[in-house]
Protein backbone atom coordinates (compact mmCIF):
# COMPACT_ATOMS: atom_id res chain seq x y z
CA UNK A 1 -21.87 -10.75 -27.80
CA UNK A 2 -21.25 -7.16 -28.90
CA UNK A 3 -19.74 -6.74 -32.35
CA UNK A 4 -18.93 -3.06 -32.08
CA UNK A 5 -20.04 0.38 -30.95
CA UNK A 6 -21.44 2.63 -33.69
CA UNK A 7 -19.66 5.94 -34.15
CA UNK A 8 -22.72 7.98 -33.24
CA UNK A 9 -23.10 6.01 -29.96
CA UNK A 10 -19.43 6.43 -29.10
CA UNK A 11 -19.64 10.18 -29.69
CA UNK A 12 -22.78 10.42 -27.56
CA UNK A 13 -21.53 8.53 -24.50
CA UNK A 14 -18.04 10.09 -24.43
CA UNK A 15 -15.55 8.66 -21.94
CA UNK A 16 -16.76 5.82 -19.76
CA UNK A 17 -15.79 3.32 -17.07
CA UNK A 18 -16.47 -0.31 -17.86
CA UNK A 19 -16.22 -3.82 -16.42
CA UNK A 20 -15.56 -7.24 -17.89
CA UNK A 21 -17.68 -9.99 -16.30
CA UNK A 22 -17.34 -13.75 -16.40
CA UNK A 23 -20.72 -15.20 -17.48
CA UNK A 24 -19.97 -18.46 -15.67
CA UNK A 25 -19.97 -17.04 -12.15
CA UNK A 26 -21.10 -13.44 -12.76
CA UNK A 27 -17.88 -12.09 -11.24
CA UNK A 28 -16.31 -8.89 -12.55
CA UNK A 29 -12.63 -9.57 -13.25
CA UNK A 30 -11.47 -6.31 -14.83
CA UNK A 31 -12.33 -2.61 -14.56
CA UNK A 32 -11.11 0.06 -16.95
CA UNK A 33 -11.78 3.42 -18.59
CA UNK A 34 -11.94 4.36 -22.21
CA UNK A 35 -13.89 5.75 -25.11
CA UNK A 36 -15.06 4.42 -28.45
CA UNK A 37 -14.58 0.66 -28.69
CA UNK A 38 -12.05 0.28 -25.89
CA UNK A 39 -14.42 -1.85 -23.80
CA UNK A 40 -14.46 -4.51 -26.56
CA UNK A 41 -10.73 -4.50 -27.36
CA UNK A 42 -9.62 -6.97 -24.69
CA UNK A 43 -11.25 -9.93 -26.39
CA UNK A 44 -9.37 -9.12 -29.60
CA UNK A 45 -6.12 -8.86 -27.60
CA UNK A 46 -6.68 -12.30 -26.12
CA UNK A 47 -7.31 -13.83 -29.52
CA UNK A 48 -4.25 -12.25 -31.11
CA UNK A 49 -1.82 -12.83 -28.24
CA UNK A 50 -2.04 -16.47 -27.18
CA UNK A 51 1.47 -16.28 -25.68
CA UNK A 52 0.48 -13.46 -23.35
CA UNK A 53 -0.09 -14.91 -19.87
CA UNK A 54 -1.52 -11.86 -18.17
CA UNK A 55 -4.34 -12.93 -15.89
CA UNK A 56 -6.98 -10.85 -17.68
CA UNK A 57 -6.28 -12.38 -21.10
CA UNK A 58 -5.99 -15.88 -19.61
CA UNK A 59 -9.46 -15.45 -18.08
CA UNK A 60 -10.90 -14.33 -21.42
CA UNK A 61 -9.43 -17.32 -23.24
CA UNK A 62 -10.86 -19.68 -20.60
CA UNK A 63 -14.32 -18.18 -21.01
CA UNK A 64 -14.20 -18.55 -24.78
CA UNK A 65 -12.82 -22.09 -24.51
CA UNK A 66 -15.99 -22.94 -22.55
CA UNK A 67 -18.07 -21.69 -25.46
CA UNK A 68 -19.15 -18.52 -23.65
CA UNK A 69 -18.56 -14.81 -24.25
CA UNK A 70 -17.23 -12.12 -21.92
CA UNK A 71 -19.96 -9.79 -20.68
CA UNK A 72 -19.14 -6.11 -21.28
CA UNK A 73 -20.72 -3.64 -18.86
CA UNK A 74 -20.75 0.14 -18.74
CA UNK A 75 -20.45 1.31 -15.12
CA UNK A 76 -20.70 5.03 -15.96
CA UNK A 77 -20.89 6.90 -19.26
CA UNK A 78 -20.96 10.58 -20.33
CA UNK A 79 -17.75 11.38 -18.46
CA UNK A 80 -14.82 13.64 -19.21
CA UNK A 81 -11.40 12.00 -19.40
CA UNK A 82 -10.49 13.22 -15.90
CA UNK A 83 -13.84 12.13 -14.44
CA UNK A 84 -13.35 8.65 -15.93
CA UNK A 85 -9.95 8.35 -14.24
CA UNK A 86 -11.47 9.21 -10.86
CA UNK A 87 -14.42 6.83 -11.24
CA UNK A 88 -12.15 3.99 -12.43
CA UNK A 89 -9.89 4.45 -9.41
CA UNK A 90 -12.83 4.50 -7.00
CA UNK A 91 -14.32 1.29 -8.42
CA UNK A 92 -10.97 -0.56 -8.35
CA UNK A 93 -10.38 0.58 -4.78
CA UNK A 94 -13.87 -0.53 -3.74
CA UNK A 95 -13.12 -4.03 -5.02
CA UNK A 96 -9.76 -4.01 -3.24
CA UNK A 97 -11.34 -2.87 0.04
CA UNK A 98 -13.86 -5.72 -0.20
CA UNK A 99 -11.15 -8.33 -0.85
CA UNK A 100 -12.51 -9.09 -4.33
CA UNK A 101 -9.65 -9.77 -6.77
CA UNK A 102 -9.42 -8.08 -10.14
CA UNK A 103 -7.00 -8.89 -12.94
CA UNK A 104 -5.91 -5.25 -13.33
CA UNK A 105 -2.11 -5.07 -13.37
CA UNK A 106 -2.10 -1.57 -11.90
CA UNK A 107 -4.35 0.37 -9.57
CA UNK A 108 -6.40 3.31 -10.74
CA UNK A 109 -4.98 6.71 -11.62
CA UNK A 110 -3.38 8.50 -8.63
CA UNK A 111 -4.40 5.57 -6.42
CA UNK A 112 -1.37 5.89 -4.17
CA UNK A 113 -2.08 9.59 -3.61
CA UNK A 114 -5.87 9.87 -3.47
CA UNK A 115 -7.06 6.27 -3.40
CA UNK A 116 -7.93 3.64 -0.82
CA UNK A 117 -6.81 4.63 2.67
CA UNK A 118 -8.09 4.43 6.20
CA UNK A 119 -9.44 7.61 7.78
CA UNK A 120 -6.63 7.46 10.36
CA UNK A 121 -4.00 7.33 7.61
CA UNK A 122 -5.32 10.38 5.80
CA UNK A 123 -5.66 12.38 9.01
CA UNK A 124 -2.10 11.49 10.00
CA UNK A 125 -0.71 12.32 6.58
CA UNK A 126 -2.15 15.82 6.39
CA UNK A 127 -2.10 16.89 10.02
CA UNK A 128 0.94 15.11 11.46
CA UNK A 129 2.66 17.03 14.25
CA UNK A 130 6.32 16.34 15.05
CA UNK A 131 6.79 13.30 17.30
CA UNK A 132 7.43 14.37 20.90
CA UNK A 133 10.56 13.48 22.78
CA UNK A 134 10.98 10.39 24.94
CA UNK A 135 13.58 9.07 27.36
CA UNK A 136 12.79 5.43 26.55
CA UNK A 137 15.27 3.36 24.45
CA UNK A 138 13.42 3.10 21.14
CA UNK A 139 13.96 1.65 17.67
CA UNK A 140 12.32 3.15 14.59
CA UNK A 141 11.76 0.60 11.83
CA UNK A 142 10.93 1.89 8.33
CA UNK A 143 8.28 -0.23 6.59
CA UNK A 144 7.82 1.86 3.44
CA UNK A 145 8.05 -1.09 1.04
CA UNK A 146 5.31 -3.03 2.82
CA UNK A 147 3.09 -0.09 3.70
CA UNK A 148 -0.43 0.28 2.30
CA UNK A 149 -2.68 3.15 3.35
CA UNK A 150 -5.50 0.72 4.23
CA UNK A 151 -3.24 -1.52 6.34
CA UNK A 152 -4.75 -2.79 9.60
CA UNK A 153 -3.11 -2.87 13.04
CA UNK A 154 -2.09 -6.55 12.81
CA UNK A 155 -0.32 -5.97 9.50
CA UNK A 156 1.56 -2.94 10.82
CA UNK A 157 2.85 -5.07 13.68
CA UNK A 158 3.75 -7.97 11.36
CA UNK A 159 5.95 -5.82 9.14
CA UNK A 160 7.41 -3.79 12.01
CA UNK A 161 8.55 -6.85 13.97
CA UNK A 162 11.11 -7.99 11.44
CA UNK A 163 13.43 -8.78 10.00
CA UNK A 164 16.30 -6.36 10.70
CA UNK A 165 20.07 -6.27 11.19
CA UNK A 166 20.17 -5.42 14.90
CA UNK A 167 23.24 -5.80 17.09
CA UNK A 168 23.26 -7.79 20.32
CA UNK A 169 23.80 -4.60 22.32
CA UNK A 170 20.84 -2.90 20.70
CA UNK A 171 18.62 -5.94 21.25
CA UNK A 172 19.56 -5.89 24.92
CA UNK A 173 18.94 -2.18 25.48
CA UNK A 174 15.88 -1.41 23.32
CA UNK A 175 12.50 -1.37 25.07
CA UNK A 176 10.18 -0.07 22.34
CA UNK A 177 9.85 -0.44 18.57
CA UNK A 178 7.93 1.96 16.34
CA UNK A 179 6.80 1.14 12.80
CA UNK A 180 7.36 4.12 10.48
CA UNK A 181 6.02 4.57 6.95
CA UNK A 182 6.86 7.64 4.90
CA UNK A 183 7.94 9.59 7.94
CA UNK A 184 4.80 8.90 10.01
CA UNK A 185 4.70 6.58 13.02
CA UNK A 186 2.07 3.90 12.30
CA UNK A 187 2.43 1.59 15.32
CA UNK A 188 4.14 1.48 18.74
CA UNK A 189 5.15 -1.77 20.46
CA UNK A 190 6.75 -2.93 23.70
CA UNK A 191 9.53 -5.41 22.89
CA UNK A 192 9.28 -8.67 24.85
CA UNK A 193 11.97 -10.78 23.18
CA UNK A 194 13.99 -11.28 20.00
CA UNK A 195 14.25 -14.21 17.61
CA UNK A 196 16.63 -14.92 14.70
CA UNK A 197 15.15 -14.83 11.23
CA UNK A 198 14.64 -18.18 9.54
CA UNK A 199 14.03 -16.65 6.13
CA UNK A 200 16.49 -17.71 3.44
CA UNK A 201 19.19 -15.12 2.89
CA UNK A 202 18.30 -13.21 6.07
CA UNK A 203 20.16 -15.31 8.65
CA UNK A 204 21.83 -12.19 10.07
CA UNK A 205 18.53 -10.49 10.74
CA UNK A 206 16.30 -10.50 13.79
CA UNK A 207 12.65 -10.04 14.61
CA UNK A 208 10.97 -9.26 17.88
CA UNK A 209 7.98 -10.52 19.82
CA UNK A 210 6.01 -7.67 21.30
CA UNK A 211 2.64 -6.18 22.02
CA UNK A 212 0.96 -2.80 21.45
CA UNK A 213 2.22 -0.11 23.80
CA UNK A 214 -0.74 2.04 24.88
CA UNK A 215 1.62 4.22 26.91
CA UNK A 216 3.24 5.21 23.59
CA UNK A 217 0.01 5.52 21.59
CA UNK A 218 0.34 9.33 21.52
CA UNK A 219 3.26 8.83 19.08
CA UNK A 220 1.03 7.17 16.46
CA UNK A 221 0.27 9.55 13.61
CA UNK A 222 3.13 11.92 14.47
CA UNK A 223 6.02 12.75 12.18
CA UNK A 224 9.68 11.71 12.48
CA UNK A 225 10.70 13.18 9.13
CA UNK A 226 13.21 15.37 10.97
CA UNK A 227 15.38 12.26 11.43
CA UNK A 228 15.78 11.69 7.66
CA UNK A 229 15.06 7.96 7.78
CA UNK A 230 14.09 7.66 4.12
CA UNK A 231 16.46 5.74 1.89
CA UNK A 232 18.56 4.10 4.60
CA UNK A 233 20.22 0.87 3.46
CA UNK A 234 19.25 -0.92 6.67
CA UNK A 235 15.94 0.90 7.24
CA UNK A 236 15.88 1.47 10.97
CA UNK A 237 17.27 3.99 13.40
CA UNK A 238 18.09 3.45 17.06
CA UNK A 239 17.44 5.94 19.85
CA UNK A 240 18.78 4.06 22.85
CA UNK A 241 19.18 7.30 24.78
CA UNK A 242 15.63 8.34 24.00
CA UNK A 243 13.98 10.19 21.12
CA UNK A 244 15.08 13.85 20.97
CA UNK A 245 12.22 16.33 21.16
CA UNK A 246 11.55 18.60 18.17
CA UNK A 247 13.11 21.64 19.84
CA UNK A 248 16.39 19.95 20.76
CA UNK A 249 19.47 20.80 18.68
CA UNK A 250 22.79 18.95 18.55
CA UNK A 251 21.36 16.23 20.76
CA UNK A 252 23.60 13.33 21.73
CA UNK A 253 22.28 10.21 20.01
CA UNK A 254 23.92 6.90 20.85
CA UNK A 255 27.28 8.54 21.30
CA UNK A 256 26.97 10.66 18.16
CA UNK A 257 25.81 14.21 17.57
CA UNK A 258 22.75 14.58 15.37
CA UNK A 259 20.85 17.62 14.16
CA UNK A 260 17.13 17.64 14.91
CA UNK A 261 14.99 20.25 13.26
């Protein structure tokens, strides 16, 4: 068990990225960045804060209750502060991508901006063209709250399919449903049928059964930011007369006039 890091060693190694490992199963359960004695501070926190139920400190107390000591590992030393932030984020994201749980309460620095994401997501985010027009009755469902950049196709469908406040008329007319996250279309589906939500408190909402729509696949990765869907109370928009093309102005939309730019 380490008792401390000498001043001369701390000055020599600079900022670093470290891991805490459980000696019982050799599993890393926490990744962080720091300098000086930061890597050793978590054990002191666990001993001084027995009422704190954060998973990291609970794990440390369990290890010590078994008569063992947390293993402290340097993953990379001799870093600048900014380099340590980047390395920490990359390591945390690598664990997340592999499905290996960590006790970190937050992801690495700038993780939502520069972190774990599929290649398709990054390409769509930085090269998204405006979504083309369509004459098909279509619903756009906003899944911002559930969206993760590394989300797979099955998950996109799961969150797009429900549950939403959708009128009987709209359920009858709509043929397609698109899942939209942060203004980008992430999935396109042909609606087969609708079912009422059984989730508590969402009895007025509906979900749909559907399947991927290859005939609409050219919409995936395109932008619908021109429709200003962000922040809607009931996060979906209906285009039962078709999706206006980017060059249309004052286009009739479900009986109302909307600006498309």
